[in-house]
Amino acid sequence: MTQHEYIFVTVSIIIGLSLTRLLHVIGDLIRYHNKVKFHWSTAIWGLTVMVFTLQLWWVGWDLHDFSDWSFIHFLVLILASIFMYGASEMALPDPDDGYFDMLSHSRGLGRVSAMSLLLFFLLGPYFNIFMFNNPLLLSLVIPSIGAVIMLLVIFIPRWFKWLSIIFGLYSLCVLFVTV
């Protein structure tokens, strides 16, 4: 077993839990659809969080050639996975909680999802610079855009509908750059 494989077992478990959480809540929202006040912006948000979760897993494969692993690298990778789990946990309302208004959830407790993503984006430059050796400016600008979007979601929740669209478009740009 390589060091990458050993490290990515833990990362994969956390990311798998993240995806499981999102898929479970989507199933519950479908199951209780007659009690759910659906809103497209929250659906876009949940889908975008899923895209970033899968993107983290995918980009992790690019680290298979990385040979200078340290505990700090491992810790930052685990923290990024944990923050992604936090974003997934709070991305969608859980009908089990009796919270069925999707937009109201996103403007309230769903902002914790944005806070987790903000922390995730703050770790982005570390990966880009120290592990992938990407150009400094690009490594700082792309995650900074995500961080600004998250700050707007956190502090101006009434803009959530439009910010979810911007976040979705941003995620497509990130996929284009990283895949």
Protein backbone atom coordinates (compact mmCIF):
# COMPACT_ATOMS: atom_id res chain seq x y z
CA MET A 1 0.00 0.00 0.00
CA THR A 2 1.42 3.39 -0.98
CA GLN A 3 1.41 6.37 1.33
CA HIS A 4 -1.21 8.03 -0.90
CA GLU A 5 -3.49 5.00 -0.66
CA TYR A 6 -3.03 4.84 3.10
CA ILE A 7 -3.89 8.52 3.53
CA PHE A 8 -6.80 8.43 1.13
CA VAL A 9 -8.57 5.68 3.02
CA THR A 10 -9.40 8.21 5.74
CA VAL A 11 -10.22 10.95 3.24
CA SER A 12 -12.48 8.57 1.29
CA ILE A 13 -14.39 7.60 4.42
CA ILE A 14 -15.13 11.23 5.27
CA ILE A 15 -16.03 12.14 1.68
CA GLY A 16 -18.18 9.01 1.45
CA LEU A 17 -20.06 10.11 4.57
CA SER A 18 -20.52 13.53 2.98
CA LEU A 19 -22.05 12.05 -0.17
CA THR A 20 -24.15 9.64 1.89
CA ARG A 21 -25.57 12.54 3.89
CA LEU A 22 -26.53 14.49 0.78
CA LEU A 23 -28.08 11.46 -0.91
CA HIS A 24 -29.99 10.48 2.24
CA VAL A 25 -31.55 13.93 2.59
CA ILE A 26 -32.39 14.02 -1.13
CA GLY A 27 -34.16 10.69 -0.65
CA ASP A 28 -36.07 12.06 2.33
CA LEU A 29 -37.04 15.21 0.44
CA ILE A 30 -38.44 13.03 -2.35
CA ARG A 31 -40.15 10.72 0.14
CA TYR A 32 -41.84 13.63 1.96
CA HIS A 33 -42.33 15.76 -1.17
CA ASN A 34 -45.92 16.62 -0.28
CA LYS A 35 -44.70 18.26 2.95
CA VAL A 36 -41.66 20.02 1.45
CA LYS A 37 -41.74 23.59 0.22
CA PHE A 38 -39.31 23.12 -2.66
CA HIS A 39 -37.03 25.91 -3.83
CA TRP A 40 -34.75 25.71 -6.84
CA SER A 41 -31.93 27.73 -5.22
CA THR A 42 -31.51 25.27 -2.35
CA ALA A 43 -31.52 22.41 -4.86
CA ILE A 44 -28.75 24.16 -6.83
CA TRP A 45 -26.84 24.69 -3.59
CA GLY A 46 -27.07 21.02 -2.63
CA LEU A 47 -26.04 19.90 -6.11
CA THR A 48 -23.08 22.31 -6.08
CA VAL A 49 -21.92 21.05 -2.68
CA MET A 50 -22.08 17.53 -4.12
CA VAL A 51 -20.00 18.68 -7.12
CA PHE A 52 -17.33 20.13 -4.81
CA THR A 53 -17.34 16.95 -2.73
CA LEU A 54 -16.73 14.85 -5.83
CA GLN A 55 -14.17 17.35 -7.08
CA LEU A 56 -12.20 17.02 -3.82
CA TRP A 57 -12.19 13.26 -4.25
CA TRP A 58 -11.17 13.55 -7.90
CA VAL A 59 -8.37 16.05 -7.28
CA GLY A 60 -7.12 13.76 -4.53
CA TRP A 61 -6.14 11.28 -7.20
CA ASP A 62 -3.73 13.87 -8.61
CA LEU A 63 -1.83 13.52 -5.36
CA HIS A 64 -0.92 9.88 -6.13
CA ASP A 65 2.46 11.05 -7.44
CA PHE A 66 3.03 13.38 -4.49
CA SER A 67 5.85 11.93 -2.41
CA ASP A 68 6.65 14.55 0.24
CA TRP A 69 3.80 13.73 2.62
CA SER A 70 3.97 15.22 6.07
CA PHE A 71 1.56 15.16 8.97
CA ILE A 72 0.62 18.77 8.17
CA HIS A 73 -0.33 17.79 4.59
CA PHE A 74 -2.39 14.91 5.97
CA LEU A 75 -4.04 17.15 8.56
CA VAL A 76 -4.95 19.83 6.01
CA LEU A 77 -6.43 17.18 3.71
CA ILE A 78 -8.48 15.71 6.56
CA LEU A 79 -9.66 19.18 7.60
CA ALA A 80 -10.73 19.91 4.02
CA SER A 81 -12.72 16.66 4.00
CA ILE A 82 -14.30 17.48 7.35
CA PHE A 83 -15.27 20.96 6.16
CA MET A 84 -16.82 19.39 3.06
CA TYR A 85 -18.78 17.04 5.31
CA GLY A 86 -20.00 20.05 7.32
CA ALA A 87 -21.11 21.74 4.11
CA SER A 88 -22.97 18.59 3.07
CA GLU A 89 -24.56 18.12 6.47
CA MET A 90 -26.15 21.57 6.39
CA ALA A 91 -26.70 22.04 2.64
CA LEU A 92 -30.26 20.74 2.56
CA PRO A 93 -33.08 20.75 5.11
CA ASP A 94 -33.64 17.41 6.77
CA PRO A 95 -37.35 16.51 6.79
CA ASP A 96 -36.68 14.43 9.92
CA ASP A 97 -36.14 17.75 11.71
CA GLY A 98 -39.59 18.94 10.62
CA TYR A 99 -37.94 21.70 8.57
CA PHE A 100 -39.59 21.57 5.17
CA ASP A 101 -39.11 25.07 3.74
CA MET A 102 -35.98 24.77 1.62
CA LEU A 103 -35.36 28.48 1.03
CA SER A 104 -35.94 29.37 4.67
CA HIS A 105 -33.45 26.65 5.66
CA SER A 106 -30.84 28.02 3.25
CA ARG A 107 -31.20 31.55 4.56
CA GLY A 108 -30.98 30.33 8.15
CA LEU A 109 -29.24 27.18 9.32
CA GLY A 110 -28.06 26.45 5.77
CA ARG A 111 -25.59 29.31 6.12
CA VAL A 112 -23.53 26.93 8.26
CA SER A 113 -22.97 25.04 5.01
CA ALA A 114 -21.49 28.23 3.57
CA MET A 115 -19.30 28.66 6.64
CA SER A 116 -17.90 25.16 6.19
CA LEU A 117 -17.27 25.89 2.53
CA LEU A 118 -15.56 29.15 3.46
CA LEU A 119 -13.13 27.18 5.64
CA PHE A 120 -12.67 24.68 2.80
CA PHE A 121 -11.82 27.49 0.36
CA LEU A 122 -9.36 28.98 2.83
CA LEU A 123 -7.44 25.68 2.69
CA GLY A 124 -7.39 25.69 -1.13
CA PRO A 125 -4.26 27.81 -1.54
CA TYR A 126 -2.32 25.43 0.70
CA PHE A 127 -3.03 22.49 -1.62
CA ASN A 128 -2.47 24.49 -4.77
CA ILE A 129 0.83 26.01 -3.70
CA PHE A 130 2.49 23.42 -1.46
CA MET A 131 1.19 20.15 -2.89
CA PHE A 132 0.41 20.86 -6.54
CA ASN A 133 3.02 23.59 -7.16
CA ASN A 134 0.47 25.68 -9.05
CA PRO A 135 1.14 29.35 -9.88
CA LEU A 136 0.78 31.59 -6.83
CA LEU A 137 -1.70 34.09 -8.29
CA LEU A 138 -4.04 31.42 -9.66
CA SER A 139 -3.74 29.46 -6.40
CA LEU A 140 -4.92 32.49 -4.45
CA VAL A 141 -7.52 33.99 -6.80
CA ILE A 142 -9.71 30.95 -7.52
CA PRO A 143 -10.32 29.95 -3.87
CA SER A 144 -10.71 33.63 -2.95
CA ILE A 145 -13.65 33.94 -5.33
CA GLY A 146 -15.31 31.00 -3.59
CA ALA A 147 -14.57 32.53 -0.20
CA VAL A 148 -16.16 35.85 -1.23
CA ILE A 149 -19.30 34.04 -2.45
CA MET A 150 -19.50 32.21 0.90
CA LEU A 151 -19.08 35.44 2.86
CA LEU A 152 -21.95 36.98 0.88
CA VAL A 153 -24.16 33.95 1.59
CA ILE A 154 -23.32 34.13 5.29
CA PHE A 155 -23.77 37.88 5.75
CA ILE A 156 -26.44 38.72 3.14
CA PRO A 157 -28.81 35.73 3.22
CA ARG A 158 -31.54 37.58 1.31
CA TRP A 159 -29.30 37.26 -1.79
CA PHE A 160 -29.16 33.47 -1.45
CA LYS A 161 -31.25 32.77 -4.55
CA TRP A 162 -28.86 34.59 -6.86
CA LEU A 163 -25.73 33.59 -5.01
CA SER A 164 -26.66 29.91 -5.43
CA ILE A 165 -26.64 30.46 -9.21
CA ILE A 166 -23.29 32.26 -9.02
CA PHE A 167 -21.92 29.47 -6.82
CA GLY A 168 -23.11 26.87 -9.33
CA LEU A 169 -21.40 28.72 -12.18
CA TYR A 170 -18.26 29.10 -10.08
CA SER A 171 -18.22 25.35 -9.43
CA LEU A 172 -18.37 24.69 -13.18
CA CYS A 173 -15.39 27.00 -13.68
CA VAL A 174 -13.46 25.22 -10.93
CA LEU A 175 -14.25 21.87 -12.54
CA PHE A 176 -13.01 23.16 -15.87
CA VAL A 177 -9.73 24.30 -14.30
CA THR A 178 -9.12 21.21 -12.16
CA VAL A 179 -10.33 18.30 -14.24
